[in-house]
Amino acid sequence: MDYGLTREELRVLRPLSTPRKIQEYLDALPMNFEPEGDTCLSPRRVLREQRAHCIEGAMLAALALRLHGWLPLLVDMAATDFDDDHVIAVFQLRSHWGAISKTNHGVLRYREPIYRSIRELVMSFFHEYSISDGRKTLRSYSDPVDLSALDERGWMTSGENLWFVPEYLNAAPHHSILTRAQIAGLRRADAIERKIGALVEWKPPARAR
């Protein structure tokens, strides 16, 4: 099934036959810094415009996985109000979970399929998930959300921003990962961890004066 994709789109996506290949494609894709304002681009627009941020990359990964027999599954990792959520595409190989991730930072990246549960996979991100002052901000995660439920809304090929996708993810049940006592006792990331967390792969374009 080609899911309404063009021959050119399939020419790009068909060779991405493993999670590793999909991740390598996303790593090479320039970061979407949204110079014209907030976006939530469909996989078709990502391929056309050659840019993506985390949820856009996750949707493209989900589509590529689907073309090769996996379900198009996303997991929303929800942070505190003073940090951003992160969305990953997840896949299962030999009963273990892994993740494909588009990020501009040196952390919150690809996860090998070695985790026995989604919780175990998500918790592998916890210590890296912090902001510039060292506060650790990951608080909950969703069960895998199957994007095929949104096929009729055109998530794979729409030319419009897909705001309904993050809304759908946010509405999915989430599992808390910390108690209040655990939150109160969290140690901040130290200086070298913060330095590593500040590393970026793509520099934002210079602003016009």
C-alpha atoms as a PDB file:
ATOM      1  CA  MET A   1       0.000   0.000   0.000  1.00  0.00           C
ATOM      2  CA  ASP A   2       1.332   3.449  -0.889  1.00  0.00           C
ATOM      3  CA  TYR A   3      -1.036   5.517   1.355  1.00  0.00           C
ATOM      4  CA  GLY A   4      -1.506   8.181  -1.319  1.00  0.00           C
ATOM      5  CA  LEU A   5       2.213   8.959  -1.534  1.00  0.00           C
ATOM      6  CA  THR A   6       3.763  10.052  -4.792  1.00  0.00           C
ATOM      7  CA  ARG A   7       6.368   8.065  -6.675  1.00  0.00           C
ATOM      8  CA  GLU A   8       9.040  10.546  -5.608  1.00  0.00           C
ATOM      9  CA  GLU A   9       8.019  10.314  -1.944  1.00  0.00           C
ATOM     10  CA  LEU A  10       8.124   6.524  -2.116  1.00  0.00           C
ATOM     11  CA  ARG A  11      11.532   6.704  -3.785  1.00  0.00           C
ATOM     12  CA  VAL A  12      12.830   8.434  -0.646  1.00  0.00           C
ATOM     13  CA  LEU A  13      10.969   6.379   1.945  1.00  0.00           C
ATOM     14  CA  ARG A  14      11.193   2.831   0.546  1.00  0.00           C
ATOM     15  CA  PRO A  15      14.970   2.535   1.141  1.00  0.00           C
ATOM     16  CA  LEU A  16      14.467   3.537   4.796  1.00  0.00           C
ATOM     17  CA  SER A  17      13.740  -0.088   5.619  1.00  0.00           C
ATOM     18  CA  THR A  18      15.039  -0.236   9.199  1.00  0.00           C
ATOM     19  CA  PRO A  19      14.744   2.032  12.230  1.00  0.00           C
ATOM     20  CA  ARG A  20      18.470   2.725  11.983  1.00  0.00           C
ATOM     21  CA  LYS A  21      18.143   3.954   8.386  1.00  0.00           C
ATOM     22  CA  ILE A  22      15.158   6.103   9.311  1.00  0.00           C
ATOM     23  CA  GLN A  23      17.126   7.667  12.161  1.00  0.00           C
ATOM     24  CA  GLU A  24      20.084   8.378   9.891  1.00  0.00           C
ATOM     25  CA  TYR A  25      17.759  10.135   7.438  1.00  0.00           C
ATOM     26  CA  LEU A  26      16.283  12.265  10.226  1.00  0.00           C
ATOM     27  CA  ASP A  27      19.739  13.108  11.566  1.00  0.00           C
ATOM     28  CA  ALA A  28      20.716  14.472   8.143  1.00  0.00           C
ATOM     29  CA  LEU A  29      17.491  16.471   7.786  1.00  0.00           C
ATOM     30  CA  PRO A  30      17.927  20.153   8.709  1.00  0.00           C
ATOM     31  CA  MET A  31      16.193  21.354  11.834  1.00  0.00           C
ATOM     32  CA  ASN A  32      12.976  23.287  11.384  1.00  0.00           C
ATOM     33  CA  PHE A  33      13.469  26.539  13.301  1.00  0.00           C
ATOM     34  CA  GLU A  34      10.011  27.761  12.215  1.00  0.00           C
ATOM     35  CA  PRO A  35      11.168  31.146  10.831  1.00  0.00           C
ATOM     36  CA  GLU A  36       7.652  31.928   9.580  1.00  0.00           C
ATOM     37  CA  GLY A  37       5.924  30.885  12.821  1.00  0.00           C
ATOM     38  CA  ASP A  38       4.832  27.663  14.504  1.00  0.00           C
ATOM     39  CA  THR A  39       4.412  24.632  12.273  1.00  0.00           C
ATOM     40  CA  CYS A  40       3.299  21.027  12.504  1.00  0.00           C
ATOM     41  CA  LEU A  41       4.224  19.718   9.066  1.00  0.00           C
ATOM     42  CA  SER A  42       2.935  16.487   7.592  1.00  0.00           C
ATOM     43  CA  PRO A  43       5.466  13.919   6.333  1.00  0.00           C
ATOM     44  CA  ARG A  44       4.730  15.093   2.792  1.00  0.00           C
ATOM     45  CA  ARG A  45       5.648  18.663   3.669  1.00  0.00           C
ATOM     46  CA  VAL A  46       8.742  17.545   5.579  1.00  0.00           C
ATOM     47  CA  LEU A  47       9.966  15.707   2.481  1.00  0.00           C
ATOM     48  CA  ARG A  48       9.140  18.683   0.274  1.00  0.00           C
ATOM     49  CA  GLU A  49      10.560  21.414   2.522  1.00  0.00           C
ATOM     50  CA  GLN A  50      13.481  19.356   3.875  1.00  0.00           C
ATOM     51  CA  ARG A  51      13.144  20.457   7.489  1.00  0.00           C
ATOM     52  CA  ALA A  52      11.620  19.015  10.663  1.00  0.00           C
ATOM     53  CA  HIS A  53      11.398  19.469  14.421  1.00  0.00           C
ATOM     54  CA  CYS A  54      10.599  16.728  16.918  1.00  0.00           C
ATOM     55  CA  ILE A  55       6.936  15.877  16.244  1.00  0.00           C
ATOM     56  CA  GLU A  56       7.383  16.419  12.501  1.00  0.00           C
ATOM     57  CA  GLY A  57      10.340  14.050  12.474  1.00  0.00           C
ATOM     58  CA  ALA A  58       8.435  11.546  14.611  1.00  0.00           C
ATOM     59  CA  MET A  59       5.518  11.525  12.157  1.00  0.00           C
ATOM     60  CA  LEU A  60       7.854  11.023   9.207  1.00  0.00           C
ATOM     61  CA  ALA A  61       9.514   8.158  11.081  1.00  0.00           C
ATOM     62  CA  ALA A  62       6.105   6.640  11.869  1.00  0.00           C
ATOM     63  CA  LEU A  63       5.180   6.735   8.188  1.00  0.00           C
ATOM     64  CA  ALA A  64       8.474   5.151   7.132  1.00  0.00           C
ATOM     65  CA  LEU A  65       8.004   2.429   9.745  1.00  0.00           C
ATOM     66  CA  ARG A  66       4.471   1.827   8.470  1.00  0.00           C
ATOM     67  CA  LEU A  67       5.685   1.333   4.911  1.00  0.00           C
ATOM     68  CA  HIS A  68       7.879  -1.485   6.193  1.00  0.00           C
ATOM     69  CA  GLY A  69       5.332  -3.339   8.291  1.00  0.00           C
ATOM     70  CA  TRP A  70       5.381  -1.602  11.669  1.00  0.00           C
ATOM     71  CA  LEU A  71       2.466   0.271  13.192  1.00  0.00           C
ATOM     72  CA  PRO A  72       2.811   4.099  13.045  1.00  0.00           C
ATOM     73  CA  LEU A  73       3.190   4.645  16.782  1.00  0.00           C
ATOM     74  CA  LEU A  74       4.089   7.847  18.630  1.00  0.00           C
ATOM     75  CA  VAL A  75       4.746   8.368  22.328  1.00  0.00           C
ATOM     76  CA  ASP A  76       4.346  11.792  23.927  1.00  0.00           C
ATOM     77  CA  MET A  77       6.792  12.523  26.732  1.00  0.00           C
ATOM     78  CA  ALA A  78       5.278  15.348  28.769  1.00  0.00           C
ATOM     79  CA  ALA A  79       7.404  17.835  30.677  1.00  0.00           C
ATOM     80  CA  THR A  80       6.706  20.529  33.248  1.00  0.00           C
ATOM     81  CA  ASP A  81       5.039  23.767  32.215  1.00  0.00           C
ATOM     82  CA  PHE A  82       8.450  25.472  31.920  1.00  0.00           C
ATOM     83  CA  ASP A  83       9.812  22.965  29.390  1.00  0.00           C
ATOM     84  CA  ASP A  84       8.677  21.419  26.104  1.00  0.00           C
ATOM     85  CA  ASP A  85       7.204  17.982  25.533  1.00  0.00           C
ATOM     86  CA  HIS A  86       9.117  15.606  23.272  1.00  0.00           C
ATOM     87  CA  VAL A  87       7.543  13.160  20.826  1.00  0.00           C
ATOM     88  CA  ILE A  88       9.193   9.961  19.625  1.00  0.00           C
ATOM     89  CA  ALA A  89       8.278   7.255  17.129  1.00  0.00           C
ATOM     90  CA  VAL A  90       8.490   3.842  18.777  1.00  0.00           C
ATOM     91  CA  PHE A  91       8.926   0.367  17.340  1.00  0.00           C
ATOM     92  CA  GLN A  92       9.128  -3.156  18.698  1.00  0.00           C
ATOM     93  CA  LEU A  93      11.752  -5.674  17.625  1.00  0.00           C
ATOM     94  CA  ARG A  94      11.934  -9.159  19.134  1.00  0.00           C
ATOM     95  CA  SER A  95       9.574  -8.096  21.949  1.00  0.00           C
ATOM     96  CA  HIS A  96      11.725  -5.093  22.904  1.00  0.00           C
ATOM     97  CA  TRP A  97      11.018  -1.397  22.343  1.00  0.00           C
ATOM     98  CA  GLY A  98      13.201   1.219  20.679  1.00  0.00           C
ATOM     99  CA  ALA A  99      12.681   4.840  19.620  1.00  0.00           C
ATOM    100  CA  ILE A 100      13.420   7.160  16.708  1.00  0.00           C
ATOM    101  CA  SER A 101      13.846  10.798  17.685  1.00  0.00           C
ATOM    102  CA  LYS A 102      14.382  14.108  15.898  1.00  0.00           C
ATOM    103  CA  THR A 103      16.112  16.637  18.117  1.00  0.00           C
ATOM    104  CA  ASN A 104      18.638  19.412  17.717  1.00  0.00           C
ATOM    105  CA  HIS A 105      20.416  18.534  20.956  1.00  0.00           C
ATOM    106  CA  GLY A 106      23.084  16.015  21.849  1.00  0.00           C
ATOM    107  CA  VAL A 107      20.601  14.202  24.113  1.00  0.00           C
ATOM    108  CA  LEU A 108      17.050  12.767  23.807  1.00  0.00           C
ATOM    109  CA  ARG A 109      18.096  10.845  20.713  1.00  0.00           C
ATOM    110  CA  TYR A 110      17.681   7.353  19.192  1.00  0.00           C
ATOM    111  CA  ARG A 111      17.117   4.423  21.532  1.00  0.00           C
ATOM    112  CA  GLU A 112      18.138   0.886  20.630  1.00  0.00           C
ATOM    113  CA  PRO A 113      15.350  -1.753  20.783  1.00  0.00           C
ATOM    114  CA  ILE A 114      16.489  -3.199  24.113  1.00  0.00           C
ATOM    115  CA  TYR A 115      13.731  -1.992  26.463  1.00  0.00           C
ATOM    116  CA  ARG A 116      11.143  -4.427  27.803  1.00  0.00           C
ATOM    117  CA  SER A 117       8.354  -1.857  28.184  1.00  0.00           C
ATOM    118  CA  ILE A 118       7.420   1.650  27.123  1.00  0.00           C
ATOM    119  CA  ARG A 119       7.980   2.856  30.676  1.00  0.00           C
ATOM    120  CA  GLU A 120      11.485   1.411  30.683  1.00  0.00           C
ATOM    121  CA  LEU A 121      12.159   3.093  27.327  1.00  0.00           C
ATOM    122  CA  VAL A 122      10.845   6.460  28.510  1.00  0.00           C
ATOM    123  CA  MET A 123      12.796   6.324  31.753  1.00  0.00           C
ATOM    124  CA  SER A 124      16.008   6.027  29.716  1.00  0.00           C
ATOM    125  CA  PHE A 125      15.415   9.680  28.762  1.00  0.00           C
ATOM    126  CA  PHE A 126      14.826  10.946  32.305  1.00  0.00           C
ATOM    127  CA  HIS A 127      18.287  12.089  33.406  1.00  0.00           C
ATOM    128  CA  GLU A 128      18.974  13.811  30.076  1.00  0.00           C
ATOM    129  CA  TYR A 129      15.628  15.618  30.095  1.00  0.00           C
ATOM    130  CA  SER A 130      16.588  18.880  31.779  1.00  0.00           C
ATOM    131  CA  ILE A 131      16.696  22.615  31.109  1.00  0.00           C
ATOM    132  CA  SER A 132      19.585  25.068  31.172  1.00  0.00           C
ATOM    133  CA  ASP A 133      19.515  25.568  34.956  1.00  0.00           C
ATOM    134  CA  GLY A 134      19.756  21.808  35.511  1.00  0.00           C
ATOM    135  CA  ARG A 135      16.189  21.092  36.601  1.00  0.00           C
ATOM    136  CA  LYS A 136      14.952  17.682  35.419  1.00  0.00           C
ATOM    137  CA  THR A 137      11.574  18.164  33.808  1.00  0.00           C
ATOM    138  CA  LEU A 138      10.157  14.900  32.430  1.00  0.00           C
ATOM    139  CA  ARG A 139       6.933  14.072  34.293  1.00  0.00           C
ATOM    140  CA  SER A 140       4.737  11.644  32.318  1.00  0.00           C
ATOM    141  CA  TYR A 141       4.328   9.710  29.092  1.00  0.00           C
ATOM    142  CA  SER A 142       1.530   8.368  26.922  1.00  0.00           C
ATOM    143  CA  ASP A 143       0.941   4.826  25.807  1.00  0.00           C
ATOM    144  CA  PRO A 144       1.879   4.347  22.133  1.00  0.00           C
ATOM    145  CA  VAL A 145      -0.633   6.250  19.990  1.00  0.00           C
ATOM    146  CA  ASP A 146      -1.480   4.665  16.628  1.00  0.00           C
ATOM    147  CA  LEU A 147      -1.651   7.392  13.987  1.00  0.00           C
ATOM    148  CA  SER A 148      -3.646   5.155  11.652  1.00  0.00           C
ATOM    149  CA  ALA A 149      -6.666   6.350  13.659  1.00  0.00           C
ATOM    150  CA  LEU A 150      -6.075   9.737  12.002  1.00  0.00           C
ATOM    151  CA  ASP A 151      -5.772   8.478   8.418  1.00  0.00           C
ATOM    152  CA  GLU A 152      -9.037  10.113   7.367  1.00  0.00           C
ATOM    153  CA  ARG A 153      -7.693  13.483   8.505  1.00  0.00           C
ATOM    154  CA  GLY A 154      -4.721  13.211   6.163  1.00  0.00           C
ATOM    155  CA  TRP A 155      -1.817  13.199   8.615  1.00  0.00           C
ATOM    156  CA  MET A 156       0.540  11.645   6.055  1.00  0.00           C
ATOM    157  CA  THR A 157      -0.044  13.967   3.107  1.00  0.00           C
ATOM    158  CA  SER A 158      -1.898  17.111   4.203  1.00  0.00           C
ATOM    159  CA  GLY A 159      -0.657  20.482   3.029  1.00  0.00           C
ATOM    160  CA  GLU A 160      -1.993  22.128   6.193  1.00  0.00           C
ATOM    161  CA  ASN A 161      -0.466  22.251   9.658  1.00  0.00           C
ATOM    162  CA  LEU A 162      -1.477  19.154  11.610  1.00  0.00           C
ATOM    163  CA  TRP A 163      -2.439  20.745  14.919  1.00  0.00           C
ATOM    164  CA  PHE A 164      -4.880  17.897  15.499  1.00  0.00           C
ATOM    165  CA  VAL A 165      -1.972  15.472  15.972  1.00  0.00           C
ATOM    166  CA  PRO A 166      -0.457  17.106  19.089  1.00  0.00           C
ATOM    167  CA  GLU A 167      -4.000  17.633  20.370  1.00  0.00           C
ATOM    168  CA  TYR A 168      -4.651  13.912  19.919  1.00  0.00           C
ATOM    169  CA  LEU A 169      -1.426  13.031  21.716  1.00  0.00           C
ATOM    170  CA  ASN A 170      -2.127  15.430  24.578  1.00  0.00           C
ATOM    171  CA  ALA A 171      -5.597  13.927  25.028  1.00  0.00           C
ATOM    172  CA  ALA A 172      -4.242  10.378  25.285  1.00  0.00           C
ATOM    173  CA  PRO A 173      -3.949   8.926  28.809  1.00  0.00           C
ATOM    174  CA  HIS A 174      -0.573   9.704  30.365  1.00  0.00           C
ATOM    175  CA  HIS A 175       1.305   7.875  33.103  1.00  0.00           C
ATOM    176  CA  SER A 176       3.064   9.870  35.816  1.00  0.00           C
ATOM    177  CA  ILE A 177       6.622   8.772  36.507  1.00  0.00           C
ATOM    178  CA  LEU A 178       7.351  10.599  39.783  1.00  0.00           C
ATOM    179  CA  THR A 179       5.725  11.162  43.143  1.00  0.00           C
ATOM    180  CA  ARG A 180       5.707  14.611  44.749  1.00  0.00           C
ATOM    181  CA  ALA A 181       8.341  13.444  47.221  1.00  0.00           C
ATOM    182  CA  GLN A 182      10.568  12.248  44.378  1.00  0.00           C
ATOM    183  CA  ILE A 183      10.153  15.565  42.550  1.00  0.00           C
ATOM    184  CA  ALA A 184      11.103  17.483  45.697  1.00  0.00           C
ATOM    185  CA  GLY A 185      14.240  15.401  46.070  1.00  0.00           C
ATOM    186  CA  LEU A 186      15.552  15.669  42.519  1.00  0.00           C
ATOM    187  CA  ARG A 187      19.177  16.740  42.136  1.00  0.00           C
ATOM    188  CA  ARG A 188      19.895  19.242  39.393  1.00  0.00           C
ATOM    189  CA  ALA A 189      22.114  18.241  36.487  1.00  0.00           C
ATOM    190  CA  ASP A 190      25.665  19.328  37.178  1.00  0.00           C
ATOM    191  CA  ALA A 191      27.781  21.706  35.109  1.00  0.00           C
ATOM    192  CA  ILE A 192      29.223  19.145  32.687  1.00  0.00           C
ATOM    193  CA  GLU A 193      25.781  17.618  32.093  1.00  0.00           C
ATOM    194  CA  ARG A 194      24.341  21.049  31.359  1.00  0.00           C
ATOM    195  CA  LYS A 195      27.209  21.747  28.976  1.00  0.00           C
ATOM    196  CA  ILE A 196      26.537  18.523  27.081  1.00  0.00           C
ATOM    197  CA  GLY A 197      22.809  19.271  27.019  1.00  0.00           C
ATOM    198  CA  ALA A 198      23.490  22.652  25.422  1.00  0.00           C
ATOM    199  CA  LEU A 199      25.255  21.121  22.407  1.00  0.00           C
ATOM    200  CA  VAL A 200      23.268  21.519  19.187  1.00  0.00           C
ATOM    201  CA  GLU A 201      23.530  19.855  15.797  1.00  0.00           C
ATOM    202  CA  TRP A 202      22.038  22.667  13.699  1.00  0.00           C
ATOM    203  CA  LYS A 203      22.619  26.363  14.358  1.00  0.00           C
ATOM    204  CA  PRO A 204      19.582  28.614  13.966  1.00  0.00           C
ATOM    205  CA  PRO A 205      19.752  31.024  11.058  1.00  0.00           C
ATOM    206  CA  ALA A 206      20.994  34.510  11.825  1.00  0.00           C
ATOM    207  CA  ARG A 207      18.160  36.969  12.296  1.00  0.00           C
ATOM    208  CA  ALA A 208      17.839  39.767   9.804  1.00  0.00           C
ATOM    209  CA  ARG A 209      18.564  43.180  11.255  1.00  0.00           C
END
